[in-house]
């Protein structure tokens, strides 16, 4: 997802963020279930990073111009 002009306002942007992050997070969570302990720790870190990035972008919606 790139920073660009979004039509539809903050709700459309939030929907776009969800559409961008959900598939990747779902894929990581699926792989986590089949991973060994070392891999699981790496996947947990990546999941946590993506969730924080997603939350940060959602929290900054009020700072965006639509």
PDB file of N, CA and C in Angstrom:
ATOM      1  N   UNK A   1       0.850  -1.157   0.000  1.00  0.00           N
ATOM      2  CA  UNK A   1       0.000   0.000   0.000  1.00  0.00           C
ATOM      3  C   UNK A   1       0.898   1.222   0.000  1.00  0.00           C
ATOM      4  N   UNK A   2       0.591   2.170  -0.852  1.00  0.00           N
ATOM      5  CA  UNK A   2       1.413   3.374  -0.925  1.00  0.00           C
ATOM      6  C   UNK A   2       0.624   4.549  -0.388  1.00  0.00           C
ATOM      7  N   UNK A   3       1.353   5.567   0.024  1.00  0.00           N
ATOM      8  CA  UNK A   3       0.698   6.798   0.439  1.00  0.00           C
ATOM      9  C   UNK A   3       0.232   7.503  -0.821  1.00  0.00           C
ATOM     10  N   UNK A   4      -1.030   7.827  -0.865  1.00  0.00           N
ATOM     11  CA  UNK A   4      -1.568   8.501  -2.033  1.00  0.00           C
ATOM     12  C   UNK A   4      -2.884   9.150  -1.648  1.00  0.00           C
ATOM     13  N   UNK A   5      -3.520   9.770  -2.601  1.00  0.00           N
ATOM     14  CA  UNK A   5      -4.800  10.415  -2.349  1.00  0.00           C
ATOM     15  C   UNK A   5      -5.896   9.358  -2.308  1.00  0.00           C
ATOM     16  N   UNK A   6      -6.701   9.417  -1.268  1.00  0.00           N
ATOM     17  CA  UNK A   6      -7.794   8.460  -1.113  1.00  0.00           C
ATOM     18  C   UNK A   6      -9.122   9.183  -1.234  1.00  0.00           C
ATOM     19  N   UNK A   7      -9.976   8.710  -2.134  1.00  0.00           N
ATOM     20  CA  UNK A   7     -11.332   9.232  -2.178  1.00  0.00           C
ATOM     21  C   UNK A   7     -12.173   8.386  -1.247  1.00  0.00           C
ATOM     22  N   UNK A   8     -13.205   8.961  -0.700  1.00  0.00           N
ATOM     23  CA  UNK A   8     -14.074   8.211   0.200  1.00  0.00           C
ATOM     24  C   UNK A   8     -13.817   8.517   1.652  1.00  0.00           C
ATOM     25  N   UNK A   9     -12.812   9.320   1.923  1.00  0.00           N
ATOM     26  CA  UNK A   9     -12.568   9.755   3.285  1.00  0.00           C
ATOM     27  C   UNK A   9     -11.896   8.717   4.159  1.00  0.00           C
ATOM     28  N   UNK A  10     -11.913   8.989   5.460  1.00  0.00           N
ATOM     29  CA  UNK A  10     -11.192   8.127   6.397  1.00  0.00           C
ATOM     30  C   UNK A  10     -11.718   6.695   6.460  1.00  0.00           C
ATOM     31  N   UNK A  11     -13.007   6.510   6.256  1.00  0.00           N
ATOM     32  CA  UNK A  11     -13.551   5.145   6.299  1.00  0.00           C
ATOM     33  C   UNK A  11     -13.011   4.297   5.151  1.00  0.00           C
ATOM     34  N   UNK A  12     -12.935   4.896   3.972  1.00  0.00           N
ATOM     35  CA  UNK A  12     -12.395   4.167   2.819  1.00  0.00           C
ATOM     36  C   UNK A  12     -10.915   3.857   3.021  1.00  0.00           C
ATOM     37  N   UNK A  13     -10.190   4.792   3.613  1.00  0.00           N
ATOM     38  CA  UNK A  13      -8.770   4.570   3.882  1.00  0.00           C
ATOM     39  C   UNK A  13      -8.588   3.443   4.896  1.00  0.00           C
ATOM     40  N   UNK A  14      -9.393   3.449   5.963  1.00  0.00           N
ATOM     41  CA  UNK A  14      -9.320   2.388   6.976  1.00  0.00           C
ATOM     42  C   UNK A  14      -9.649   1.032   6.346  1.00  0.00           C
ATOM     43  N   UNK A  15     -10.650   1.009   5.471  1.00  0.00           N
ATOM     44  CA  UNK A  15     -10.987  -0.239   4.774  1.00  0.00           C
ATOM     45  C   UNK A  15      -9.817  -0.707   3.906  1.00  0.00           C
ATOM     46  N   UNK A  16      -9.170   0.233   3.224  1.00  0.00           N
ATOM     47  CA  UNK A  16      -8.015  -0.102   2.398  1.00  0.00           C
ATOM     48  C   UNK A  16      -6.863  -0.655   3.222  1.00  0.00           C
ATOM     49  N   UNK A  17      -6.655  -0.071   4.399  1.00  0.00           N
ATOM     50  CA  UNK A  17      -5.611  -0.581   5.290  1.00  0.00           C
ATOM     51  C   UNK A  17      -5.919  -2.006   5.724  1.00  0.00           C
ATOM     52  N   UNK A  18      -7.172  -2.256   6.092  1.00  0.00           N
ATOM     53  CA  UNK A  18      -7.559  -3.609   6.500  1.00  0.00           C
ATOM     54  C   UNK A  18      -7.359  -4.599   5.351  1.00  0.00           C
ATOM     55  N   UNK A  19      -7.756  -4.204   4.154  1.00  0.00           N
ATOM     56  CA  UNK A  19      -7.594  -5.082   2.990  1.00  0.00           C
ATOM     57  C   UNK A  19      -6.120  -5.351   2.695  1.00  0.00           C
ATOM     58  N   UNK A  20      -5.269  -4.398   3.038  1.00  0.00           N
ATOM     59  CA  UNK A  20      -3.833  -4.554   2.803  1.00  0.00           C
ATOM     60  C   UNK A  20      -3.188  -5.470   3.848  1.00  0.00           C
ATOM     61  N   UNK A  21      -3.522  -5.284   5.114  1.00  0.00           N
ATOM     62  CA  UNK A  21      -2.849  -6.012   6.190  1.00  0.00           C
ATOM     63  C   UNK A  21      -3.468  -7.372   6.509  1.00  0.00           C
ATOM     64  N   UNK A  22      -4.772  -7.519   6.374  1.00  0.00           N
ATOM     65  CA  UNK A  22      -5.440  -8.758   6.785  1.00  0.00           C
ATOM     66  C   UNK A  22      -4.893  -9.999   6.077  1.00  0.00           C
ATOM     67  N   UNK A  23      -4.756 -10.001   4.757  1.00  0.00           N
ATOM     68  CA  UNK A  23      -4.251 -11.225   4.105  1.00  0.00           C
ATOM     69  C   UNK A  23      -2.847 -11.619   4.571  1.00  0.00           C
ATOM     70  N   UNK A  24      -1.989 -10.643   4.737  1.00  0.00           N
ATOM     71  CA  UNK A  24      -0.618 -10.946   5.179  1.00  0.00           C
ATOM     72  C   UNK A  24      -0.611 -11.486   6.602  1.00  0.00           C
ATOM     73  N   UNK A  25      -1.381 -10.858   7.488  1.00  0.00           N
ATOM     74  CA  UNK A  25      -1.455 -11.336   8.872  1.00  0.00           C
ATOM     75  C   UNK A  25      -2.073 -12.729   8.934  1.00  0.00           C
ATOM     76  N   UNK A  26      -3.118 -12.961   8.149  1.00  0.00           N
ATOM     77  CA  UNK A  26      -3.743 -14.289   8.121  1.00  0.00           C
ATOM     78  C   UNK A  26      -2.748 -15.354   7.662  1.00  0.00           C
ATOM     79  N   UNK A  27      -1.957 -15.007   6.642  1.00  0.00           N
ATOM     80  CA  UNK A  27      -0.959 -15.949   6.122  1.00  0.00           C
ATOM     81  C   UNK A  27       0.103 -16.259   7.183  1.00  0.00           C
ATOM     82  N   UNK A  28       0.585 -15.233   7.865  1.00  0.00           N
ATOM     83  CA  UNK A  28       1.594 -15.445   8.908  1.00  0.00           C
ATOM     84  C   UNK A  28       1.039 -16.284  10.053  1.00  0.00           C
ATOM     85  N   UNK A  29      -0.201 -16.023  10.446  1.00  0.00           N
ATOM     86  CA  UNK A  29      -0.819 -16.794  11.534  1.00  0.00           C
ATOM     87  C   UNK A  29      -1.008 -18.257  11.130  1.00  0.00           C
ATOM     88  N   UNK A  30      -1.365 -18.480   9.878  1.00  0.00           N
ATOM     89  CA  UNK A  30      -1.531 -19.850   9.383  1.00  0.00           C
ATOM     90  C   UNK A  30      -0.187 -20.591   9.427  1.00  0.00           C
ATOM     91  N   UNK A  31       0.868 -19.937   8.953  1.00  0.00           N
ATOM     92  CA  UNK A  31       2.200 -20.557   8.967  1.00  0.00           C
ATOM     93  C   UNK A  31       2.691 -20.770  10.392  1.00  0.00           C
ATOM     94  N   UNK A  32       2.292 -19.898  11.291  1.00  0.00           N
ATOM     95  CA  UNK A  32       2.721 -20.003  12.687  1.00  0.00           C
ATOM     96  C   UNK A  32       2.249 -21.317  13.298  1.00  0.00           C
ATOM     97  N   UNK A  33       1.042 -21.730  12.958  1.00  0.00           N
ATOM     98  CA  UNK A  33       0.484 -22.967  13.511  1.00  0.00           C
ATOM     99  C   UNK A  33       1.300 -24.200  13.123  1.00  0.00           C
ATOM    100  N   UNK A  34       1.959 -24.143  11.963  1.00  0.00           N
ATOM    101  CA  UNK A  34       2.731 -25.286  11.468  1.00  0.00           C
ATOM    102  C   UNK A  34       4.230 -25.152  11.723  1.00  0.00           C
ATOM    103  N   UNK A  35       4.646 -24.078  12.373  1.00  0.00           N
ATOM    104  CA  UNK A  35       6.075 -23.792  12.528  1.00  0.00           C
ATOM    105  C   UNK A  35       6.665 -24.453  13.771  1.00  0.00           C
ATOM    106  N   UNK A  36       7.991 -24.638  13.722  1.00  0.00           N
ATOM    107  CA  UNK A  36       8.689 -25.112  14.917  1.00  0.00           C
ATOM    108  C   UNK A  36       8.903 -23.916  15.858  1.00  0.00           C
ATOM    109  N   UNK A  37       9.493 -24.167  17.009  1.00  0.00           N
ATOM    110  CA  UNK A  37       9.607 -23.125  18.032  1.00  0.00           C
ATOM    111  C   UNK A  37      10.400 -21.907  17.559  1.00  0.00           C
ATOM    112  N   UNK A  38      11.506 -22.129  16.879  1.00  0.00           N
ATOM    113  CA  UNK A  38      12.335 -21.016  16.414  1.00  0.00           C
ATOM    114  C   UNK A  38      11.593 -20.186  15.379  1.00  0.00           C
ATOM    115  N   UNK A  39      10.990 -20.877  14.424  1.00  0.00           N
ATOM    116  CA  UNK A  39      10.216 -20.191  13.391  1.00  0.00           C
ATOM    117  C   UNK A  39       9.034 -19.452  14.008  1.00  0.00           C
ATOM    118  N   UNK A  40       8.406 -20.060  14.977  1.00  0.00           N
ATOM    119  CA  UNK A  40       7.244 -19.457  15.631  1.00  0.00           C
ATOM    120  C   UNK A  40       7.619 -18.116  16.270  1.00  0.00           C
ATOM    121  N   UNK A  41       8.791 -18.047  16.894  1.00  0.00           N
ATOM    122  CA  UNK A  41       9.243 -16.789  17.496  1.00  0.00           C
ATOM    123  C   UNK A  41       9.447 -15.708  16.435  1.00  0.00           C
ATOM    124  N   UNK A  42      10.021 -16.091  15.308  1.00  0.00           N
ATOM    125  CA  UNK A  42      10.221 -15.141  14.213  1.00  0.00           C
ATOM    126  C   UNK A  42       8.882 -14.670  13.651  1.00  0.00           C
ATOM    127  N   UNK A  43       7.961 -15.603  13.482  1.00  0.00           N
ATOM    128  CA  UNK A  43       6.642 -15.244  12.969  1.00  0.00           C
ATOM    129  C   UNK A  43       5.891 -14.362  13.958  1.00  0.00           C
ATOM    130  N   UNK A  44       6.009 -14.660  15.258  1.00  0.00           N
ATOM    131  CA  UNK A  44       5.377 -13.818  16.274  1.00  0.00           C
ATOM    132  C   UNK A  44       5.895 -12.388  16.195  1.00  0.00           C
ATOM    133  N   UNK A  45       7.199 -12.238  16.001  1.00  0.00           N
ATOM    134  CA  UNK A  45       7.796 -10.903  15.902  1.00  0.00           C
ATOM    135  C   UNK A  45       7.285 -10.172  14.663  1.00  0.00           C
ATOM    136  N   UNK A  46       7.184 -10.877  13.549  1.00  0.00           N
ATOM    137  CA  UNK A  46       6.689 -10.267  12.312  1.00  0.00           C
ATOM    138  C   UNK A  46       5.216  -9.900  12.446  1.00  0.00           C
ATOM    139  N   UNK A  47       4.421 -10.768  13.047  1.00  0.00           N
ATOM    140  CA  UNK A  47       3.004 -10.480  13.272  1.00  0.00           C
ATOM    141  C   UNK A  47       2.860  -9.248  14.157  1.00  0.00           C
ATOM    142  N   UNK A  48       3.637  -9.199  15.218  1.00  0.00           N
ATOM    143  CA  UNK A  48       3.581  -8.056  16.134  1.00  0.00           C
ATOM    144  C   UNK A  48       3.978  -6.765  15.418  1.00  0.00           C
ATOM    145  N   UNK A  49       4.999  -6.837  14.572  1.00  0.00           N
ATOM    146  CA  UNK A  49       5.445  -5.657  13.825  1.00  0.00           C
ATOM    147  C   UNK A  49       4.362  -5.162  12.872  1.00  0.00           C
ATOM    148  N   UNK A  50       3.746  -6.086  12.136  1.00  0.00           N
ATOM    149  CA  UNK A  50       2.693  -5.703  11.196  1.00  0.00           C
ATOM    150  C   UNK A  50       1.463  -5.157  11.913  1.00  0.00           C
ATOM    151  N   UNK A  51       1.091  -5.771  13.034  1.00  0.00           N
ATOM    152  CA  UNK A  51      -0.051  -5.270  13.797  1.00  0.00           C
ATOM    153  C   UNK A  51       0.217  -3.861  14.312  1.00  0.00           C
ATOM    154  N   UNK A  52       1.434  -3.602  14.776  1.00  0.00           N
ATOM    155  CA  UNK A  52       1.789  -2.270  15.267  1.00  0.00           C
ATOM    156  C   UNK A  52       1.781  -1.252  14.125  1.00  0.00           C
ATOM    157  N   UNK A  53       2.286  -1.657  12.969  1.00  0.00           N
ATOM    158  CA  UNK A  53       2.290  -0.774  11.803  1.00  0.00           C
ATOM    159  C   UNK A  53       0.861  -0.440  11.391  1.00  0.00           C
ATOM    160  N   UNK A  54       0.007  -1.450  11.353  1.00  0.00           N
ATOM    161  CA  UNK A  54      -1.398  -1.260  10.995  1.00  0.00           C
ATOM    162  C   UNK A  54      -2.085  -0.328  11.987  1.00  0.00           C
ATOM    163  N   UNK A  55      -1.884  -0.574  13.276  1.00  0.00           N
ATOM    164  CA  UNK A  55      -2.491   0.261  14.312  1.00  0.00           C
ATOM    165  C   UNK A  55      -1.997   1.699  14.205  1.00  0.00           C
ATOM    166  N   UNK A  56      -0.720   1.879  13.940  1.00  0.00           N
ATOM    167  CA  UNK A  56      -0.154   3.218  13.805  1.00  0.00           C
ATOM    168  C   UNK A  56      -0.808   3.975  12.652  1.00  0.00           C
ATOM    169  N   UNK A  57      -1.004   3.289  11.541  1.00  0.00           N
ATOM    170  CA  UNK A  57      -1.644   3.934  10.391  1.00  0.00           C
ATOM    171  C   UNK A  57      -3.105   4.248  10.684  1.00  0.00           C
ATOM    172  N   UNK A  58      -3.805   3.341  11.372  1.00  0.00           N
ATOM    173  CA  UNK A  58      -5.193   3.622  11.740  1.00  0.00           C
ATOM    174  C   UNK A  58      -5.272   4.803  12.705  1.00  0.00           C
ATOM    175  N   UNK A  59      -4.348   4.856  13.659  1.00  0.00           N
ATOM    176  CA  UNK A  59      -4.341   5.939  14.642  1.00  0.00           C
ATOM    177  C   UNK A  59      -4.014   7.287  14.014  1.00  0.00           C
ATOM    178  N   UNK A  60      -3.309   7.285  12.893  1.00  0.00           N
ATOM    179  CA  UNK A  60      -2.916   8.547  12.266  1.00  0.00           C
ATOM    180  C   UNK A  60      -3.915   9.026  11.215  1.00  0.00           C
ATOM    181  N   UNK A  61      -5.036   8.355  11.078  1.00  0.00           N
ATOM    182  CA  UNK A  61      -6.031   8.754  10.080  1.00  0.00           C
ATOM    183  C   UNK A  61      -6.490  10.192  10.304  1.00  0.00           C
ATOM    184  N   UNK A  62      -6.644  10.591  11.560  1.00  0.00           N
ATOM    185  CA  UNK A  62      -7.120  11.948  11.839  1.00  0.00           C
ATOM    186  C   UNK A  62      -6.144  13.015  11.356  1.00  0.00           C
ATOM    187  N   UNK A  63      -4.889  12.656  11.160  1.00  0.00           N
ATOM    188  CA  UNK A  63      -3.885  13.605  10.676  1.00  0.00           C
ATOM    189  C   UNK A  63      -3.868  13.703   9.156  1.00  0.00           C
ATOM    190  N   UNK A  64      -4.612  12.846   8.484  1.00  0.00           N
ATOM    191  CA  UNK A  64      -4.615  12.813   7.021  1.00  0.00           C
ATOM    192  C   UNK A  64      -5.651  13.782   6.456  1.00  0.00           C
ATOM    193  N   UNK A  65      -5.368  14.260   5.271  1.00  0.00           N
ATOM    194  CA  UNK A  65      -6.324  15.094   4.545  1.00  0.00           C
ATOM    195  C   UNK A  65      -7.039  14.223   3.525  1.00  0.00           C
ATOM    196  N   UNK A  66      -8.355  14.338   3.484  1.00  0.00           N
ATOM    197  CA  UNK A  66      -9.134  13.560   2.520  1.00  0.00           C
ATOM    198  C   UNK A  66      -9.947  14.486   1.662  1.00  0.00           C
TER     199      UNK A  66
END
